[in-house]
Protein backbone atom coordinates (compact mmCIF):
# COMPACT_ATOMS: atom_id res chain seq x y z
CA UNK A 1 -14.66 23.46 29.18
CA UNK A 2 -15.86 19.86 29.15
CA UNK A 3 -18.12 20.50 32.16
CA UNK A 4 -19.55 23.56 30.43
CA UNK A 5 -20.44 21.54 27.32
CA UNK A 6 -21.89 18.68 29.38
CA UNK A 7 -24.25 21.10 31.11
CA UNK A 8 -25.42 22.46 27.76
CA UNK A 9 -25.79 18.93 26.38
CA UNK A 10 -28.04 17.89 29.26
CA UNK A 11 -30.51 20.66 28.39
CA UNK A 12 -30.37 19.88 24.65
CA UNK A 13 -30.91 16.14 25.18
CA UNK A 14 -33.96 16.87 27.34
CA UNK A 15 -35.42 19.02 24.56
CA UNK A 16 -34.77 16.49 21.81
CA UNK A 17 -36.41 13.75 23.88
CA UNK A 18 -39.65 15.77 23.81
CA UNK A 19 -39.86 15.54 20.00
CA UNK A 20 -41.39 12.67 18.05
CA UNK A 21 -39.22 10.30 15.99
CA UNK A 22 -39.90 12.08 12.68
CA UNK A 23 -38.99 15.46 14.08
CA UNK A 24 -35.85 14.03 15.68
CA UNK A 25 -34.84 12.74 12.26
CA UNK A 26 -35.30 16.17 10.72
CA UNK A 27 -33.28 17.75 13.51
CA UNK A 28 -30.40 15.30 13.07
CA UNK A 29 -30.47 15.76 9.28
CA UNK A 30 -30.41 19.52 9.69
CA UNK A 31 -27.55 19.25 12.15
CA UNK A 32 -25.58 17.11 9.72
CA UNK A 33 -26.11 19.52 6.82
CA UNK A 34 -25.22 22.45 9.06
CA UNK A 35 -22.09 20.63 10.10
CA UNK A 36 -21.07 20.09 6.49
CA UNK A 37 -21.68 23.75 5.71
CA UNK A 38 -19.75 24.92 8.75
CA UNK A 39 -16.92 22.54 7.97
CA UNK A 40 -16.59 24.01 4.48
CA UNK A 41 -16.92 27.61 5.58
CA UNK A 42 -14.48 27.04 8.42
CA UNK A 43 -11.80 25.81 6.04
CA UNK A 44 -12.36 28.84 3.81
CA UNK A 45 -12.85 31.67 6.29
CA UNK A 46 -11.32 30.25 9.43
CA UNK A 47 -8.44 27.84 9.26
CA UNK A 48 -8.16 28.77 5.59
CA UNK A 49 -7.35 32.35 6.52
CA UNK A 50 -5.00 31.12 9.19
CA UNK A 51 -2.91 28.99 6.83
CA UNK A 52 -3.68 30.66 3.50
CA UNK A 53 -4.38 27.38 1.73
CA UNK A 54 -3.87 27.04 -1.99
CA UNK A 55 -7.13 26.70 -3.84
CA UNK A 56 -6.11 23.38 -5.36
CA UNK A 57 -4.69 21.83 -2.21
CA UNK A 58 -6.14 18.41 -1.53
CA UNK A 59 -4.06 17.63 1.54
CA UNK A 60 -6.40 15.94 4.02
CA UNK A 61 -5.94 18.28 6.94
CA UNK A 62 -8.61 16.64 9.08
CA UNK A 63 -6.95 13.24 8.78
CA UNK A 64 -3.58 14.83 9.53
CA UNK A 65 -4.96 16.32 12.71
CA UNK A 66 -6.18 12.98 14.01
CA UNK A 67 -2.75 11.53 13.25
CA UNK A 68 -1.17 14.41 15.17
CA UNK A 69 -3.29 13.51 18.18
CA UNK A 70 -2.15 9.89 17.91
CA UNK A 71 1.51 10.88 17.65
CA UNK A 72 1.14 13.32 20.52
CA UNK A 73 -0.37 10.62 22.72
CA UNK A 74 2.67 8.39 22.24
CA UNK A 75 5.23 11.20 22.24
CA UNK A 76 6.46 10.59 18.68
CA UNK A 77 8.17 13.91 17.93
CA UNK A 78 9.50 13.00 14.47
CA UNK A 79 6.05 11.95 13.32
CA UNK A 80 4.66 15.23 14.68
CA UNK A 81 7.36 17.10 12.77
CA UNK A 82 6.49 15.28 9.54
CA UNK A 83 2.78 16.12 9.82
CA UNK A 84 3.40 19.78 10.63
CA UNK A 85 5.81 20.12 7.71
CA UNK A 86 3.20 18.53 5.47
CA UNK A 87 0.74 21.18 6.63
CA UNK A 88 3.26 23.93 5.91
CA UNK A 89 3.92 22.47 2.47
CA UNK A 90 0.22 22.48 1.64
CA UNK A 91 -0.03 26.21 2.26
CA UNK A 92 0.91 29.01 -0.10
CA UNK A 93 3.00 30.61 2.62
CA UNK A 94 4.53 29.27 5.79
CA UNK A 95 3.08 30.72 8.95
CA UNK A 96 4.90 31.35 12.21
CA UNK A 97 1.94 30.17 14.25
CA UNK A 98 2.28 26.59 12.96
CA UNK A 99 5.99 26.58 13.74
CA UNK A 100 5.23 27.93 17.21
CA UNK A 101 2.45 25.39 17.60
CA UNK A 102 4.92 22.63 16.78
CA UNK A 103 7.29 23.89 19.46
CA UNK A 104 4.40 23.65 21.91
CA UNK A 105 3.54 20.13 20.76
CA UNK A 106 7.18 19.07 21.14
CA UNK A 107 7.28 20.50 24.62
CA UNK A 108 4.10 18.72 25.67
CA UNK A 109 5.10 15.46 23.96
CA UNK A 110 8.07 15.23 26.31
CA UNK A 111 5.85 15.19 29.39
CA UNK A 112 3.82 11.97 29.64
CA UNK A 113 1.00 13.31 31.80
CA UNK A 114 0.65 16.53 29.82
CA UNK A 115 0.58 14.86 26.42
CA UNK A 116 -2.00 12.31 27.54
CA UNK A 117 -4.21 15.13 28.79
CA UNK A 118 -4.03 17.22 25.62
CA UNK A 119 -4.31 14.26 23.24
CA UNK A 120 -7.49 13.08 24.93
CA UNK A 121 -9.06 16.54 25.22
CA UNK A 122 -10.64 16.72 21.71
CA UNK A 123 -12.22 13.31 22.28
CA UNK A 124 -13.51 14.30 25.72
CA UNK A 125 -14.75 17.62 24.33
CA UNK A 126 -16.56 15.82 21.51
CA UNK A 127 -18.14 13.21 23.79
CA UNK A 128 -19.41 15.95 26.11
CA UNK A 129 -21.71 17.34 23.40
CA UNK A 130 -25.32 16.39 22.86
CA UNK A 131 -26.16 13.85 20.18
CA UNK A 132 -27.26 16.63 17.82
CA UNK A 133 -24.07 18.61 18.28
CA UNK A 134 -21.95 15.48 17.76
CA UNK A 135 -23.50 15.02 14.34
CA UNK A 136 -22.82 18.65 13.48
CA UNK A 137 -19.24 18.59 14.68
CA UNK A 138 -18.03 15.38 13.05
CA UNK A 139 -15.04 16.00 10.80
CA UNK A 140 -14.07 19.45 12.00
CA UNK A 141 -13.70 19.31 15.76
CA UNK A 142 -10.22 17.84 16.13
CA UNK A 143 -8.66 20.29 13.71
CA UNK A 144 -10.34 23.32 15.26
CA UNK A 145 -9.64 22.33 18.85
CA UNK A 146 -6.02 21.32 18.40
CA UNK A 147 -5.00 24.35 16.35
CA UNK A 148 -6.91 26.63 18.68
CA UNK A 149 -5.13 25.30 21.73
CA UNK A 150 -1.55 24.84 20.58
CA UNK A 151 -1.46 28.19 18.81
CA UNK A 152 -3.07 29.89 21.81
CA UNK A 153 -6.00 31.12 19.77
CA UNK A 154 -4.32 32.10 16.51
CA UNK A 155 -6.07 29.28 14.69
CA UNK A 156 -9.45 29.75 16.30
CA UNK A 157 -10.82 32.47 14.05
CA UNK A 158 -14.28 30.96 13.72
CA UNK A 159 -13.88 27.89 15.86
CA UNK A 160 -16.77 26.98 18.12
CA UNK A 161 -14.28 26.08 20.83
CA UNK A 162 -13.08 29.69 20.95
CA UNK A 163 -16.55 30.77 22.05
CA UNK A 164 -16.22 28.91 25.32
CA UNK A 165 -15.81 31.24 28.29
CA UNK A 166 -13.09 28.85 29.46
CA UNK A 167 -11.11 28.98 26.22
CA UNK A 168 -8.75 31.74 27.34
CA UNK A 169 -8.13 29.86 30.58
CA UNK A 170 -7.37 26.70 28.61
CA UNK A 171 -4.81 28.37 26.37
CA UNK A 172 -3.29 30.12 29.38
CA UNK A 173 -3.05 26.75 31.11
CA UNK A 174 -1.17 25.30 28.14
CA UNK A 175 1.16 28.29 28.11
CA UNK A 176 1.86 27.76 31.80
CA UNK A 177 2.29 24.04 31.18
CA UNK A 178 4.93 24.61 28.51
CA UNK A 179 6.74 27.06 30.76
CA UNK A 180 6.73 24.46 33.54
CA UNK A 181 8.16 21.84 31.20
CA UNK A 182 10.85 24.30 30.12
CA UNK A 183 11.76 24.76 33.77
CA UNK A 184 11.85 21.00 34.21
CA UNK A 185 14.58 20.90 31.57
CA UNK A 186 16.67 23.08 33.82
CA UNK A 187 15.58 21.38 37.04
CA UNK A 188 18.34 20.70 39.53
CA UNK A 189 18.79 19.93 43.22
CA UNK A 190 21.23 21.59 45.60
CA UNK A 191 23.12 19.26 47.95
CA UNK A 192 25.34 21.20 50.30
CA UNK A 193 27.65 23.38 48.23
CA UNK A 194 27.35 21.17 45.16
CA UNK A 195 24.74 21.06 42.44
CA UNK A 196 23.30 17.77 41.19
CA UNK A 197 21.03 17.34 38.17
CA UNK A 198 17.81 15.35 38.45
CA UNK A 199 17.95 12.11 36.49
CA UNK A 200 14.58 12.94 34.90
CA UNK A 201 15.77 16.16 33.32
CA UNK A 202 14.29 16.62 29.84
CA UNK A 203 16.93 16.89 27.16
CA UNK A 204 16.67 19.60 24.50
CA UNK A 205 14.99 18.33 21.36
CA UNK A 206 15.13 19.96 17.93
CA UNK A 207 11.80 21.74 17.69
CA UNK A 208 12.33 23.64 14.45
CA UNK A 209 10.38 22.86 11.30
CA UNK A 210 11.83 23.02 7.82
CA UNK A 211 9.30 25.08 5.87
CA UNK A 212 9.19 24.47 2.17
CA UNK A 213 11.01 21.12 2.39
CA UNK A 214 9.47 18.68 -0.05
CA UNK A 215 8.30 15.80 2.09
CA UNK A 216 6.88 12.52 0.96
CA UNK A 217 3.12 12.81 0.75
CA UNK A 218 0.79 9.92 1.55
CA UNK A 219 0.01 7.66 -1.39
CA UNK A 220 -3.16 8.43 -3.34
CA UNK A 221 -6.11 6.36 -2.21
CA UNK A 222 -7.44 5.87 -5.73
CA UNK A 223 -6.60 6.39 -9.40
CA UNK A 224 -8.99 9.35 -9.40
CA UNK A 225 -7.07 11.04 -6.59
CA UNK A 226 -3.81 10.40 -8.43
CA UNK A 227 -5.15 12.18 -11.51
CA UNK A 228 -6.38 15.10 -9.41
CA UNK A 229 -2.94 15.44 -7.88
CA UNK A 230 -1.38 15.56 -11.34
CA UNK A 231 -3.68 18.46 -12.19
CA UNK A 232 -2.39 20.30 -9.12
CA UNK A 233 1.19 19.40 -10.11
CA UNK A 234 0.63 20.92 -13.56
CA UNK A 235 -0.43 24.22 -12.01
CA UNK A 236 2.67 24.17 -9.82
CA UNK A 237 4.85 23.45 -12.86
CA UNK A 238 3.42 26.47 -14.63
CA UNK A 239 3.99 28.67 -11.59
CA UNK A 240 7.36 27.47 -10.33
CA UNK A 241 8.89 25.14 -12.91
CA UNK A 242 10.05 21.62 -12.08
CA UNK A 243 11.25 21.12 -8.51
CA UNK A 244 12.75 17.73 -7.64
CA UNK A 245 10.93 16.07 -4.76
CA UNK A 246 13.99 14.21 -3.46
CA UNK A 247 17.68 14.96 -3.13
CA UNK A 248 20.28 12.59 -4.62
CA UNK A 249 21.01 11.14 -1.17
CA UNK A 250 17.31 10.50 -0.57
CA UNK A 251 16.94 8.81 -3.96
CA UNK A 252 19.95 6.58 -3.28
CA UNK A 253 18.45 5.54 0.06
CA UNK A 254 15.10 4.74 -1.58
CA UNK A 255 16.78 2.68 -4.30
CA UNK A 256 18.87 0.76 -1.78
CA UNK A 257 15.81 -0.04 0.31
CA UNK A 258 13.98 -1.55 -2.67
CA UNK A 259 10.72 -0.45 -1.07
CA UNK A 260 9.40 1.39 -4.14
CA UNK A 261 8.31 -1.85 -5.81
CA UNK A 262 5.77 -2.25 -3.00
CA UNK A 263 4.14 1.13 -3.58
CA UNK A 264 0.59 0.82 -4.85
CA UNK A 265 0.60 3.31 -7.73
CA UNK A 266 3.24 3.10 -10.44
CA UNK A 267 3.57 5.18 -13.60
CA UNK A 268 4.39 3.90 -17.06
CA UNK A 269 5.60 6.55 -19.53
CA UNK A 270 5.74 5.34 -23.12
CA UNK A 271 5.30 6.29 -26.74
CA UNK A 272 1.64 6.31 -27.72
CA UNK A 273 2.32 3.68 -30.41
CA UNK A 274 2.32 1.05 -27.63
CA UNK A 275 -1.42 1.64 -27.13
CA UNK A 276 -1.98 -0.71 -30.08
CA UNK A 277 -0.35 -4.07 -30.83
CA UNK A 278 -1.03 -5.91 -34.09
CA UNK A 279 -4.31 -4.06 -34.59
CA UNK A 280 -5.55 -4.83 -31.07
CA UNK A 281 -5.29 -3.04 -27.72
CA UNK A 282 -1.64 -2.66 -26.84
CA UNK A 283 0.32 -3.63 -23.76
CA UNK A 284 2.30 -1.84 -21.10
CA UNK A 285 5.51 -2.69 -22.93
CA UNK A 286 7.11 -4.73 -25.67
CA UNK A 287 6.49 -8.51 -25.80
CA UNK A 288 9.08 -10.47 -23.84
CA UNK A 289 9.72 -14.19 -23.73
CA UNK A 290 11.21 -15.23 -20.44
CA UNK A 291 11.74 -18.68 -19.02
CA UNK A 292 8.85 -18.28 -16.57
CA UNK A 293 6.31 -16.81 -18.99
CA UNK A 294 5.46 -14.61 -21.96
CA UNK A 295 4.11 -11.08 -21.64
CA UNK A 296 5.12 -7.46 -21.68
CA UNK A 297 8.29 -6.08 -20.15
CA UNK A 298 8.56 -2.42 -19.24
CA UNK A 299 10.40 0.12 -17.15
CA UNK A 300 8.43 2.32 -14.82
CA UNK A 301 8.66 4.36 -11.67
CA UNK A 302 6.23 5.17 -8.90
CA UNK A 303 3.60 7.89 -8.80
CA UNK A 304 5.44 9.42 -5.87
CA UNK A 305 8.64 9.72 -7.91
CA UNK A 306 7.02 11.43 -10.91
CA UNK A 307 4.26 13.47 -9.27
CA UNK A 308 6.17 16.76 -9.45
CA UNK A 309 6.83 16.24 -13.17
CA UNK A 310 3.06 16.25 -13.76
CA UNK A 311 2.31 14.87 -17.23
CA UNK A 312 4.71 16.95 -19.29
CA UNK A 313 6.41 14.52 -21.72
CA UNK A 314 9.65 16.49 -22.04
CA UNK A 315 10.19 16.82 -18.30
CA UNK A 316 9.25 13.19 -17.66
CA UNK A 317 11.62 12.02 -20.41
CA UNK A 318 14.53 13.93 -18.94
CA UNK A 319 13.79 12.89 -15.35
CA UNK A 320 13.76 9.27 -16.53
CA UNK A 321 17.00 9.64 -18.50
CA UNK A 322 15.32 9.33 -21.91
CA UNK A 323 15.96 11.41 -24.99
CA UNK A 324 12.81 13.40 -25.80
CA UNK A 325 11.55 13.56 -29.38
CA UNK A 326 8.99 16.37 -29.81
CA UNK A 327 7.74 14.71 -33.01
CA UNK A 328 6.48 11.70 -31.05
CA UNK A 329 3.30 11.38 -29.01
CA UNK A 330 3.65 10.04 -25.48
CA UNK A 331 1.19 8.36 -23.15
CA UNK A 332 1.04 8.23 -19.37
CA UNK A 333 -0.43 5.22 -17.61
CA UNK A 334 -1.06 5.18 -13.86
CA UNK A 335 -1.07 1.59 -12.64
CA UNK A 336 -2.84 0.31 -9.55
CA UNK A 337 -0.37 -2.50 -8.89
CA UNK A 338 -2.60 -4.14 -6.29
CA UNK A 339 -4.86 -5.21 -9.16
CA UNK A 340 -2.61 -5.11 -12.23
CA UNK A 341 0.25 -7.20 -10.88
CA UNK A 342 -2.14 -9.94 -9.81
CA UNK A 343 -3.79 -10.02 -13.25
CA UNK A 344 -0.51 -10.22 -15.17
CA UNK A 345 1.57 -12.17 -12.63
CA UNK A 346 4.11 -9.36 -12.71
CA UNK A 347 7.68 -9.77 -11.52
CA UNK A 348 9.22 -6.43 -10.46
CA UNK A 349 12.72 -5.43 -9.42
CA UNK A 350 14.69 -2.27 -8.75
CA UNK A 351 17.17 -2.62 -11.66
CA UNK A 352 20.58 -2.47 -10.06
CA UNK A 353 23.49 -4.30 -11.69
CA UNK A 354 23.03 -7.11 -9.19
CA UNK A 355 19.25 -7.40 -9.54
CA UNK A 356 19.29 -7.24 -13.33
CA UNK A 357 22.07 -9.83 -13.44
CA UNK A 358 19.96 -12.15 -11.30
CA UNK A 359 16.87 -11.53 -13.45
CA UNK A 360 18.76 -12.32 -16.69
CA UNK A 361 20.19 -15.53 -15.19
CA UNK A 362 16.66 -16.65 -14.29
CA UNK A 363 14.81 -15.54 -17.43
CA UNK A 364 17.43 -15.30 -20.22
CA UNK A 365 19.92 -18.05 -19.48
CA UNK A 366 19.89 -19.21 -23.11
CA UNK A 367 20.87 -15.74 -24.38
CA UNK A 368 23.53 -14.72 -21.87
CA UNK A 369 26.07 -16.78 -19.97
CA UNK A 370 26.90 -15.91 -16.34
CA UNK A 371 30.34 -14.78 -17.49
CA UNK A 372 28.87 -12.42 -20.08
CA UNK A 373 26.42 -10.99 -17.54
CA UNK A 374 29.19 -10.32 -15.05
CA UNK A 375 31.17 -8.50 -17.74
CA UNK A 376 28.29 -6.51 -19.23
CA UNK A 377 26.62 -5.50 -15.99
CA UNK A 378 29.29 -3.53 -14.19
CA UNK A 379 30.20 0.19 -14.05
CA UNK A 380 33.42 -0.04 -16.06
CA UNK A 381 31.84 -1.71 -19.09
CA UNK A 382 28.71 0.44 -18.88
CA UNK A 383 30.79 3.64 -18.99
CA UNK A 384 32.58 2.40 -22.10
CA UNK A 385 29.28 1.38 -23.69
CA UNK A 386 27.74 4.78 -22.97
CA UNK A 387 30.72 6.51 -24.57
CA UNK A 388 30.66 4.41 -27.75
CA UNK A 389 26.87 4.42 -28.08
CA UNK A 390 26.79 8.21 -27.77
CA UNK A 391 29.44 8.44 -30.49
CA UNK A 392 27.33 6.19 -32.72
CA UNK A 393 24.24 8.29 -32.04
CA UNK A 394 26.06 11.47 -32.99
CA UNK A 395 27.67 9.95 -36.08
CA UNK A 396 24.55 9.98 -38.22
CA UNK A 397 24.71 6.22 -38.79
CA UNK A 398 21.84 5.57 -36.37
CA UNK A 399 18.29 6.60 -37.32
CA UNK A 400 17.36 7.27 -33.70
CA UNK A 401 18.27 6.24 -30.17
CA UNK A 402 16.44 2.92 -30.52
CA UNK A 403 18.41 1.91 -33.66
CA UNK A 404 20.69 -0.77 -32.20
CA UNK A 405 21.38 -2.15 -35.69
CA UNK A 406 22.79 1.24 -36.69
CA UNK A 407 24.92 1.21 -33.54
CA UNK A 408 26.24 -2.24 -34.44
CA UNK A 409 27.17 -0.98 -37.90
CA UNK A 410 29.07 1.91 -36.31
CA UNK A 411 30.89 -0.45 -33.91
CA UNK A 412 31.92 -2.72 -36.78
CA UNK A 413 33.88 0.16 -38.31
CA UNK A 414 35.88 0.76 -35.14
CA UNK A 415 39.29 -0.74 -34.52
CA UNK A 416 38.09 -3.37 -32.06
CA UNK A 417 39.37 -6.91 -31.56
CA UNK A 418 36.90 -9.77 -31.97
CA UNK A 419 36.28 -10.18 -28.25
CA UNK A 420 35.51 -6.47 -27.74
CA UNK A 421 33.17 -6.41 -30.72
CA UNK A 422 31.29 -9.52 -29.57
CA UNK A 423 30.78 -8.05 -26.10
CA UNK A 424 29.36 -4.85 -27.60
CA UNK A 425 27.14 -6.96 -29.84
CA UNK A 426 25.87 -8.83 -26.76
CA UNK A 427 25.29 -5.55 -24.93
CA UNK A 428 23.20 -4.27 -27.85
CA UNK A 429 21.22 -7.51 -27.74
CA UNK A 430 20.65 -6.96 -24.03
CA UNK A 431 19.43 -3.41 -24.61
CA UNK A 432 17.03 -4.60 -27.31
CA UNK A 433 15.77 -7.39 -25.07
CA UNK A 434 15.65 -5.81 -21.61
CA UNK A 435 15.81 -2.09 -22.34
CA UNK A 436 18.79 -0.94 -20.26
CA UNK A 437 20.05 1.84 -22.53
CA UNK A 438 23.29 3.81 -22.62
CA UNK A 439 22.09 5.98 -19.71
CA UNK A 440 21.63 2.94 -17.45
CA UNK A 441 23.40 3.64 -14.15
CA UNK A 442 23.12 0.26 -12.45
CA UNK A 443 22.11 1.70 -9.08
CA UNK A 444 18.33 1.63 -9.55
CA UNK A 445 18.21 5.32 -10.45
CA UNK A 446 17.68 7.19 -13.69
CA UNK A 447 20.18 9.71 -14.98
CA UNK A 448 18.61 13.14 -14.66
CA UNK A 449 18.95 15.03 -17.95
CA UNK A 450 17.67 18.24 -16.34
CA UNK A 451 19.85 20.69 -14.47
CA UNK A 452 19.95 20.25 -10.72
CA UNK A 453 20.30 16.79 -9.24
CA UNK A 454 22.39 13.99 -10.72
CA UNK A 455 19.60 11.43 -10.44
CA UNK A 456 16.00 11.66 -11.64
CA UNK A 457 13.95 8.87 -10.09
CA UNK A 458 14.04 5.38 -8.64
CA UNK A 459 12.95 3.08 -11.43
CA UNK A 460 11.48 -0.39 -11.62
CA UNK A 461 11.80 -3.13 -14.23
CA UNK A 462 8.69 -5.24 -14.70
CA UNK A 463 8.02 -8.53 -16.47
CA UNK A 464 4.41 -9.63 -16.93
CA UNK A 465 4.44 -13.40 -17.12
CA UNK A 466 0.95 -13.41 -18.62
CA UNK A 467 0.03 -11.67 -21.87
CA UNK A 468 -2.51 -9.03 -20.80
CA UNK A 469 -3.57 -6.17 -23.05
CA UNK A 470 -4.49 -2.71 -21.83
CA UNK A 471 -8.21 -3.34 -22.23
CA UNK A 472 -8.07 -6.48 -20.09
CA UNK A 473 -6.57 -4.54 -17.19
CA UNK A 474 -9.90 -2.73 -16.83
CA UNK A 475 -10.09 -0.21 -14.01
CA UNK A 476 -6.64 -1.07 -12.68
CA UNK A 477 -5.16 1.47 -15.14
CA UNK A 478 -5.80 5.12 -15.90
CA UNK A 479 -4.51 5.95 -19.39
CA UNK A 480 -3.87 9.39 -20.83
CA UNK A 481 -3.42 8.53 -24.54
CA UNK A 482 -1.51 11.69 -25.46
CA UNK A 483 -0.03 13.99 -22.85
CA UNK A 484 0.41 17.60 -23.86
CA UNK A 485 3.77 19.35 -23.40
CA UNK A 486 3.92 22.59 -21.45
CA UNK A 487 6.82 23.87 -23.57
CA UNK A 488 8.68 25.29 -20.59
CA UNK A 489 11.98 25.19 -22.45
CA UNK A 490 13.63 22.83 -20.01
């Protein structure tokens, strides 16, 4: 196939050399525009038909394909699996051809010579073209070629590669190659009357995909992309309702790793009243005086954690373990932490008992003694606090969930000794200061108030050591002043 293209390219290059510079420019421009058109039409009528893409899907299939080639070249089967499952997830329906194609990729990835050959083929095929054809093919070749080959033609509905007279031979060669590798798995040598396995026998590898599994998508590359993805999420919410992206076990692992604080895009969900502060632009949270600075403190999570909840205030509230008040307006702020954290000198932690204890020792040593922190920040005391606070909330003494003074009044009427009452008083002071409410779990996760999983999201606690208002953050934030509920009855 490469030889065939090289022969055609030689003729085309000879013809282009006969044109003047201006005409060559027009030819290259025309080739580029044709390439863009063909790339779009291919996704719609070719690969689009093959995978039945959703109209709103913004999964970068071309980039995924180049990653697949990279993973194939180094034999990384789990990375191949992840990419193929991402492709399946971006389609309306799973398709057997992709699953079969993955099995082929797994087979080839286990044979060093074979995987090197296939991984380099799209590059060789591309380089064999004339300069004009290279311009036209940029951006679509790898996807077309790889899907065409590993699915033995199923993905080559309008692919240029399928028009090669050697295409059938190429797919047949890959079929034979996979059969040979299968035989290699079973390869053995006879010695006399005994049977001895070769030491290079290929072990069986799990080559099944998990269609429909919600995998972690790549981070958005910009605030604009993040907002576009929320629009897609809203359509999915309307169609299917809320579907948790992660299981409880996966959330626990993410919280334990602490890696979420390093993700670029975080989300701050708050009442819209925070958009103003003393008649001026508001802040990301309430003012907080710590020992290392003065600024806003706020709880947030990452874009990845909340993406499936879209921008529905009721669902977000419940995923974050917050009581939803339909009478209030809520805002959603997407934060580009690469810029925002530098501007505000932000200190972020995953708020486990241990991490919050350490933070309070460093920033609030005048308010809480180490002994008090050890008592207040542990599961046993938190369970008791949750029980009593919930009683106070249901008693009618409190105006709303935020009314810690009403809770204190309720506690004062209980039959508590002085030590118990003082500890509860301190815990209320901590909630007012830091924000760890009665639903605080101490493991870095929110309590999910929706049916399904126990946990909602991995959360972060943030302290801005410089006083920065929302206007001063500039283009490091994207603010939706009032997010509209979908009224899904969840």
